[in-house]
Amino acid sequence: PPTPLSRASPMPSPRKGPLSPTPSPRRPPDPLTELELQHMLMQLGDRKLPAGEDAMRLIEQVRYHLATECSTLMRIPRPSGRLIVVGDLHGHFNDLLHARHRYGHPSEQNQCLFNGDFVDRGVWGPEVLLTLFCMKLLHKNCVWLNRGNHESELCTDVYGFKTHLACAYPNFQPEMHRLVHESFNQLPLCYVVGGEVLVVHGGLPKFQATLRDIARLRRGPVPFPGKGEAELLFQALLWSDPKERPGKSDRGLGWHFSENNTKTFLERNSLKRMVRSHECVDAGYASTHGDMITTVFSASNYNEKNNASVAIIDSHCRITPGEMWNEEYVRAEWIEEIGKHHDFESTDLGNSADFLDFEVTIARTQGEKIGIELSMDHPLLEL
């Protein structure tokens, strides 16, 4: 499996020119029916991508739902049963399958909130994203999606998802890439659960902010570079990290906020706890800042050794860890399936400007070994 470039994603090099603008919401001309969504979800559970035309319909339908029925700050009542907060998945499809199997079918008593960073790094980003989109449309009031720093062109063009999507749907580029980012631009930036718990991907800005400040933020492309408190607040919600001392973030965006920053923010906004993700923690769950902050990470073996977990918010807004798990990035039976497939042909990629023909000469140094891995689901050659 691809090894993460680092434990903490650094800010990619600045892009030239503006990011893609966010258009006005357009009603999907051909929305998927509930039966079609259920079939697609079942298909994805068997690790089979839906047809490109259906994937496009799904993404367009989710984009419209997020734009018209969601907001920058989402307030949801305290759960009547429980709310499962799933942290970073980063294209680790096996971990998503584990979480779905372990915690069951979404319902009013069993709600799920996916706290950003669905894609990048792991090659199954398309499967993860389409699965979450199906779940969202099938359970609009039980499944919630939050935005992470990797739901942005700033990251997906650098950390793999743009390539993974192109390999999954070579004949639907660049239109599908554009639609995906239009949907990312409509994701909420944070949730308030039961008036007590803030759920955000990253954290807090350098300055003191209020929930009203967050609610006023306009959704769209991640502002870069940030100018003014509104844009810096937008960045902080996706990029910041809790630390012992406040200071400049080594990620390039966001801020290192202290326990005092956390305490002041929670008190000022009549909140009690914060649940966030964004950082790989060895057990998949960690409490910091005097238990005021819970960090949850749900992609096991992201750094080749960490476990995964979830955070559970109960009907009294108490927060407890879910069970810890560790899933292989690639299952043995998947490798066996690959052997049954036909040989891959470059013509399968179709005519697309996203792919180039090239030759590579490899010279082996005496005593060294070279390994070549080819994924049949996403034909990426890795050395």
Foldseek 3Di string as FASTA:
>chain_A
DFADPDQAAAFDDDDPDDDDWQDQQDAQPDADDLVRLVVQLVCLLVVHHDDPVVLLNLLSNLLNCLQPPHAQEAEDEQQPAKEWEAEAAALLVVLVSVVCVVQHDFDSNRAYEYAENQHFDHLNSVSSVSNLSSSCVNCVNRYAYAYAPCLAPSNCVPRPVVQSVCLLPVPCPPVSVVSSSSSNQSHHQWYDYNLAEIEFAAAAAPDADEVVLSRPAHGGHQDPPDDDDSSLRSQQSHHHHEDCDWDDDSNNHHIHHHLVSLVVNCVVHVYQAYEYESGQDQQQWDADSVNRYIYGHRHACNNDHGWHWIWMQGSVRDIDIGHIGHDDSDDPVQVVVVVVDDDDDPCVSPDHPVDDDDDDDDDDDPPDDDDWDADPSRGDTDD
